[in-house]
Amino acid sequence: MSQGYIHGYTDEETSRLVQQAEVWRERLLTPGLAYGAGERLLEIGCGVGAVLGVLGESFAGLELAGVDVVPSQIDAAEAHLAARGLRADLRVADAASLPWPDASFDHVYGIWILEHVRDPRPLLAEARRVLRPRGTITLHETDYAMFHVFPPDEDAAYLGEAQRALFVAEGNPHAGRALGALLARAGFSDVSARPMGTHHFTGSPAQTEELARFAEYLLGFMEPMVPRLVELGFDEERLRRGVAAVRALPGLPEASLTQVVFRATGLAPE
């Protein structure tokens, strides 16, 4: 697995990841899951521990573990979880070569990890290895082709095209739609995969404010990408206009913003 991370490792990115986990806490991270006290969960690509923090707060008694290839991320995760009164077994390692024995965990969890990986097969094989028989795997990935702005805007579409090109260069912008097939091919059983997207629109004041918040959340990682997108050959002026078009959506009378995220689950073989 590559040590690269498209969004970087700044303090600002650490704060953004913590805020991002809160954006998705009730929409994506925990709904439909039933982790029990005393069960062991490993998050692959745990980053700064933002998602582990949400899981630890949401499922009392869940024993947490996390792995990331970058030491500074693990340092940040330790600090983040300690500040929330949580403990976790955190390791610096490649998720394609996990430092735990076979059948160490009841659950493996991942979010926005395969989008950064060119070949997910070694990672999924390791996830299967460290799960107990009939242990669960739960993965979440965006499909960046399923970013939709209404009314259609050519510059916003150009911004989305450029973002996909960056992921093509360094990972997989369409990992979401591949999740179910990937888990089945990796030997997991009872595989399911479904979209769990989000859609916001101008309507009541509360609805319009929610659209504004979600637009700013997306721009929190899209806008800082602009210099890298320019390096790929995209036009900076058009990219900046795309940013402005997304930011302007809440001021339009009939506007919406849609982002599709997929969740896939499966069971380790007996």
Protein backbone atom coordinates (compact mmCIF):
# COMPACT_ATOMS: atom_id res chain seq x y z
CA MET A 1 0.00 0.00 0.00
CA SER A 2 1.28 3.46 -0.87
CA GLN A 3 2.33 5.83 1.86
CA GLY A 4 0.84 8.70 -0.10
CA TYR A 5 -2.30 10.44 1.07
CA ILE A 6 -3.91 12.86 -1.36
CA HIS A 7 -4.94 15.36 1.30
CA GLY A 8 -1.61 15.55 3.15
CA TYR A 9 -0.71 15.40 6.84
CA THR A 10 -1.04 18.97 8.09
CA ASP A 11 -2.64 20.06 11.37
CA GLU A 12 -5.43 21.55 9.28
CA GLU A 13 -6.08 18.16 7.67
CA THR A 14 -6.14 16.51 11.09
CA SER A 15 -8.84 18.95 12.21
CA ARG A 16 -10.76 18.42 8.96
CA LEU A 17 -10.77 14.65 9.45
CA VAL A 18 -12.19 15.01 12.97
CA GLN A 19 -14.89 17.36 11.66
CA GLN A 20 -15.57 14.98 8.76
CA ALA A 21 -16.24 12.12 11.15
CA GLU A 22 -18.88 14.25 12.85
CA VAL A 23 -20.49 15.09 9.48
CA TRP A 24 -20.90 11.37 8.76
CA ARG A 25 -21.47 10.05 12.31
CA GLU A 26 -25.23 9.56 12.01
CA ARG A 27 -25.44 9.43 8.22
CA LEU A 28 -22.90 6.71 7.55
CA LEU A 29 -20.45 5.63 10.23
CA THR A 30 -22.74 3.88 12.73
CA PRO A 31 -26.29 3.28 11.36
CA GLY A 32 -27.22 -0.37 10.96
CA LEU A 33 -24.22 -1.68 12.88
CA ALA A 34 -24.40 -3.74 16.08
CA TYR A 35 -21.01 -4.06 17.73
CA GLY A 36 -21.05 -5.58 21.19
CA ALA A 37 -19.13 -4.95 24.38
CA GLY A 38 -15.96 -7.03 24.53
CA GLU A 39 -15.78 -7.52 20.77
CA ARG A 40 -12.59 -6.48 18.98
CA LEU A 41 -12.68 -4.12 15.99
CA LEU A 42 -9.79 -3.16 13.72
CA GLU A 43 -9.93 -0.07 11.55
CA ILE A 44 -7.60 -0.30 8.56
CA GLY A 45 -6.17 3.04 7.51
CA CYS A 46 -7.29 4.62 10.77
CA GLY A 47 -5.53 7.93 10.12
CA VAL A 48 -5.86 10.33 13.04
CA GLY A 49 -8.39 8.15 14.88
CA ALA A 50 -11.42 10.29 14.05
CA VAL A 51 -13.63 7.36 13.03
CA LEU A 52 -12.35 5.12 15.83
CA GLY A 53 -13.39 7.88 18.22
CA VAL A 54 -16.94 7.86 16.86
CA LEU A 55 -17.13 4.06 17.02
CA GLY A 56 -15.76 3.96 20.56
CA GLU A 57 -18.28 6.55 21.73
CA SER A 58 -21.17 4.84 19.92
CA PHE A 59 -20.56 1.23 21.00
CA ALA A 60 -19.75 0.98 24.69
CA GLY A 61 -17.17 -1.65 25.58
CA LEU A 62 -16.00 -2.18 22.00
CA GLU A 63 -12.27 -2.94 21.99
CA LEU A 64 -10.59 -0.75 19.39
CA ALA A 65 -7.53 -1.27 17.23
CA GLY A 66 -6.18 0.69 14.31
CA VAL A 67 -3.40 0.57 11.77
CA ASP A 68 -1.88 3.25 9.56
CA VAL A 69 1.32 3.30 7.55
CA VAL A 70 2.30 6.83 8.63
CA PRO A 71 3.73 7.22 12.18
CA SER A 72 2.49 10.81 12.59
CA GLN A 73 -1.05 9.63 11.93
CA ILE A 74 -0.81 7.05 14.70
CA ASP A 75 0.61 9.71 17.05
CA ALA A 76 -2.36 11.94 16.24
CA ALA A 77 -4.79 9.04 16.73
CA GLU A 78 -3.36 8.27 20.16
CA ALA A 79 -3.80 11.88 21.23
CA HIS A 80 -7.30 12.15 19.76
CA LEU A 81 -8.58 8.99 21.42
CA ALA A 82 -6.94 9.76 24.76
CA ALA A 83 -8.66 13.17 24.77
CA ARG A 84 -11.97 11.33 24.49
CA GLY A 85 -11.18 8.84 27.23
CA LEU A 86 -10.76 5.96 24.78
CA ARG A 87 -8.02 3.37 24.45
CA ALA A 88 -6.95 1.49 21.34
CA ASP A 89 -4.25 -0.87 20.14
CA LEU A 90 -2.69 1.34 17.46
CA ARG A 91 0.11 0.12 15.20
CA VAL A 92 2.27 1.63 12.46
CA ALA A 93 2.07 -0.90 9.63
CA ASP A 94 0.93 -1.51 6.09
CA ALA A 95 -2.67 -2.73 5.97
CA ALA A 96 -1.51 -5.29 3.41
CA SER A 97 0.78 -6.84 6.06
CA LEU A 98 -0.99 -6.61 9.40
CA PRO A 99 0.95 -7.22 12.64
CA TRP A 100 -1.74 -9.37 14.31
CA PRO A 101 -2.20 -13.16 14.32
CA ASP A 102 -4.94 -14.98 12.45
CA ALA A 103 -8.48 -14.63 13.80
CA SER A 104 -7.61 -11.71 16.10
CA PHE A 105 -10.73 -9.61 15.48
CA ASP A 106 -14.50 -9.84 15.44
CA HIS A 107 -14.82 -6.93 13.03
CA VAL A 108 -12.77 -5.09 10.42
CA TYR A 109 -13.85 -1.57 9.49
CA GLY A 110 -12.64 0.76 6.77
CA ILE A 111 -13.71 4.07 5.29
CA TRP A 112 -12.16 6.00 2.42
CA ILE A 113 -9.19 3.66 2.33
CA LEU A 114 -9.49 1.71 -0.94
CA GLU A 115 -9.76 4.97 -2.92
CA HIS A 116 -6.07 5.47 -2.08
CA VAL A 117 -5.04 1.94 -3.12
CA ARG A 118 -4.27 0.76 -6.64
CA ASP A 119 -4.57 -2.95 -5.84
CA PRO A 120 -6.90 -3.71 -2.90
CA ARG A 121 -6.50 -7.50 -3.07
CA PRO A 122 -3.59 -7.84 -0.58
CA LEU A 123 -5.36 -5.56 1.87
CA LEU A 124 -8.60 -7.56 1.68
CA ALA A 125 -6.73 -10.83 2.03
CA GLU A 126 -5.15 -9.55 5.25
CA ALA A 127 -8.49 -8.33 6.56
CA ARG A 128 -9.90 -11.82 5.97
CA ARG A 129 -6.91 -13.43 7.69
CA VAL A 130 -7.21 -11.44 10.93
CA LEU A 131 -10.96 -11.96 11.23
CA ARG A 132 -12.36 -14.80 13.28
CA PRO A 133 -14.67 -17.21 11.40
CA ARG A 134 -17.91 -15.38 10.57
CA GLY A 135 -16.35 -12.10 11.65
CA THR A 136 -17.64 -9.05 9.81
CA ILE A 137 -16.02 -6.62 7.41
CA THR A 138 -17.61 -3.23 6.75
CA LEU A 139 -16.18 -0.88 4.13
CA HIS A 140 -17.28 2.53 2.90
CA GLU A 141 -16.13 4.26 -0.27
CA THR A 142 -17.24 7.21 -2.38
CA ASP A 143 -17.69 7.03 -6.12
CA TYR A 144 -16.39 10.40 -7.28
CA ALA A 145 -18.30 10.14 -10.55
CA MET A 146 -21.45 10.42 -8.42
CA PHE A 147 -20.90 14.02 -7.36
CA HIS A 148 -23.83 16.01 -8.74
CA VAL A 149 -24.61 19.71 -8.64
CA PHE A 150 -27.97 21.13 -9.67
CA PRO A 151 -28.56 23.31 -11.63
CA PRO A 152 -25.83 21.79 -13.80
CA ASP A 153 -22.72 23.95 -13.85
CA GLU A 154 -19.87 23.39 -16.31
CA ASP A 155 -17.21 24.70 -13.94
CA ALA A 156 -18.41 22.57 -11.01
CA ALA A 157 -18.39 19.56 -13.34
CA TYR A 158 -14.84 20.48 -14.39
CA LEU A 159 -13.78 20.58 -10.73
CA GLY A 160 -15.27 17.11 -10.24
CA GLU A 161 -13.51 15.83 -13.37
CA ALA A 162 -10.19 17.14 -12.09
CA GLN A 163 -10.68 15.51 -8.69
CA ARG A 164 -11.34 12.17 -10.38
CA ALA A 165 -8.17 12.58 -12.45
CA LEU A 166 -6.14 13.06 -9.28
CA PHE A 167 -7.54 9.85 -7.82
CA VAL A 168 -6.86 8.00 -11.08
CA ALA A 169 -3.23 9.10 -10.76
CA GLU A 170 -2.92 7.99 -7.14
CA GLY A 171 -5.72 5.53 -6.37
CA ASN A 172 -9.24 4.68 -7.53
CA PRO A 173 -12.02 7.28 -7.81
CA HIS A 174 -14.64 4.56 -8.41
CA ALA A 175 -13.86 2.28 -5.47
CA GLY A 176 -17.39 2.60 -4.12
CA ARG A 177 -19.16 0.83 -6.94
CA ALA A 178 -16.59 -2.00 -6.87
CA LEU A 179 -16.87 -2.84 -3.17
CA GLY A 180 -19.35 -5.70 -3.31
CA ALA A 181 -17.55 -7.52 -6.11
CA LEU A 182 -14.20 -7.00 -4.41
CA LEU A 183 -15.40 -8.56 -1.16
CA ALA A 184 -16.97 -11.51 -2.95
CA ARG A 185 -13.80 -12.13 -4.96
CA ALA A 186 -11.73 -11.92 -1.76
CA GLY A 187 -13.64 -14.88 -0.33
CA PHE A 188 -16.13 -13.16 1.98
CA SER A 189 -19.66 -14.59 2.18
CA ASP A 190 -23.08 -12.99 2.64
CA VAL A 191 -21.78 -9.91 0.84
CA SER A 192 -24.04 -6.90 0.47
CA ALA A 193 -23.35 -3.50 -1.05
CA ARG A 194 -25.60 -0.48 -1.24
CA PRO A 195 -25.49 3.28 -1.72
CA MET A 196 -25.78 5.42 1.39
CA GLY A 197 -25.51 8.80 -0.27
CA THR A 198 -26.54 12.22 0.89
CA HIS A 199 -28.63 14.84 -0.87
CA HIS A 200 -29.16 18.45 0.19
CA PHE A 201 -31.26 21.18 -1.38
CA THR A 202 -32.52 24.72 -0.97
CA GLY A 203 -35.83 24.67 0.87
CA SER A 204 -36.66 25.72 4.41
CA PRO A 205 -34.04 27.82 6.22
CA ALA A 206 -32.82 24.69 8.01
CA GLN A 207 -32.59 22.71 4.77
CA THR A 208 -30.75 25.51 3.01
CA GLU A 209 -28.33 25.83 5.91
CA GLU A 210 -27.67 22.09 5.75
CA LEU A 211 -26.87 22.45 2.05
CA ALA A 212 -24.45 25.27 2.88
CA ARG A 213 -22.75 23.18 5.57
CA PHE A 214 -22.37 20.18 3.27
CA ALA A 215 -21.02 22.32 0.44
CA GLU A 216 -18.39 23.76 2.78
CA TYR A 217 -17.54 20.27 4.00
CA LEU A 218 -16.87 19.11 0.42
CA LEU A 219 -14.91 22.25 -0.41
CA GLY A 220 -12.85 21.65 2.72
CA PHE A 221 -10.97 18.95 0.82
CA MET A 222 -11.68 19.95 -2.79
CA GLU A 223 -10.46 23.56 -2.63
CA PRO A 224 -7.02 22.70 -1.17
CA MET A 225 -6.59 20.23 -4.05
CA VAL A 226 -6.57 23.01 -6.64
CA PRO A 227 -2.77 23.51 -6.79
CA ARG A 228 -2.26 19.78 -7.34
CA LEU A 229 -4.97 19.73 -9.99
CA VAL A 230 -3.21 22.57 -11.79
CA GLU A 231 -0.04 20.45 -11.76
CA LEU A 232 -2.03 17.77 -13.59
CA GLY A 233 -2.80 20.28 -16.35
CA PHE A 234 -6.20 21.59 -15.30
CA ASP A 235 -7.01 25.28 -15.69
CA GLU A 236 -6.81 27.11 -12.35
CA GLU A 237 -9.32 29.78 -13.27
CA ARG A 238 -11.96 27.21 -14.19
CA LEU A 239 -11.23 25.22 -11.03
CA ARG A 240 -11.67 28.35 -8.90
CA ARG A 241 -14.94 29.09 -10.70
CA GLY A 242 -16.03 25.53 -9.91
CA VAL A 243 -15.30 26.09 -6.22
CA ALA A 244 -17.29 29.34 -6.33
CA ALA A 245 -20.22 27.60 -8.08
CA VAL A 246 -20.46 24.94 -5.35
CA ARG A 247 -20.23 27.58 -2.64
CA ALA A 248 -22.97 29.64 -4.29
CA LEU A 249 -25.55 26.81 -4.37
CA PRO A 250 -27.35 27.77 -1.13
CA GLY A 251 -28.12 31.19 -2.66
CA LEU A 252 -29.99 29.70 -5.62
CA PRO A 253 -33.76 29.17 -5.40
CA GLU A 254 -33.78 25.60 -6.78
CA ALA A 255 -30.40 24.02 -6.07
CA SER A 256 -29.13 20.72 -4.76
CA LEU A 257 -25.93 18.81 -4.08
CA THR A 258 -25.66 15.03 -4.15
CA GLN A 259 -22.80 12.74 -3.15
CA VAL A 260 -23.09 8.94 -3.27
CA VAL A 261 -21.18 6.77 -0.79
CA PHE A 262 -21.37 2.97 -0.76
CA ARG A 263 -21.26 0.55 2.17
CA ALA A 264 -20.31 -3.09 1.62
CA THR A 265 -20.35 -5.80 4.25
CA GLY A 266 -19.38 -9.45 4.35
CA LEU A 267 -18.50 -12.36 6.63
CA ALA A 268 -15.19 -14.16 6.93
CA PRO A 269 -15.38 -17.83 6.00
CA GLU A 270 -15.78 -20.48 8.70
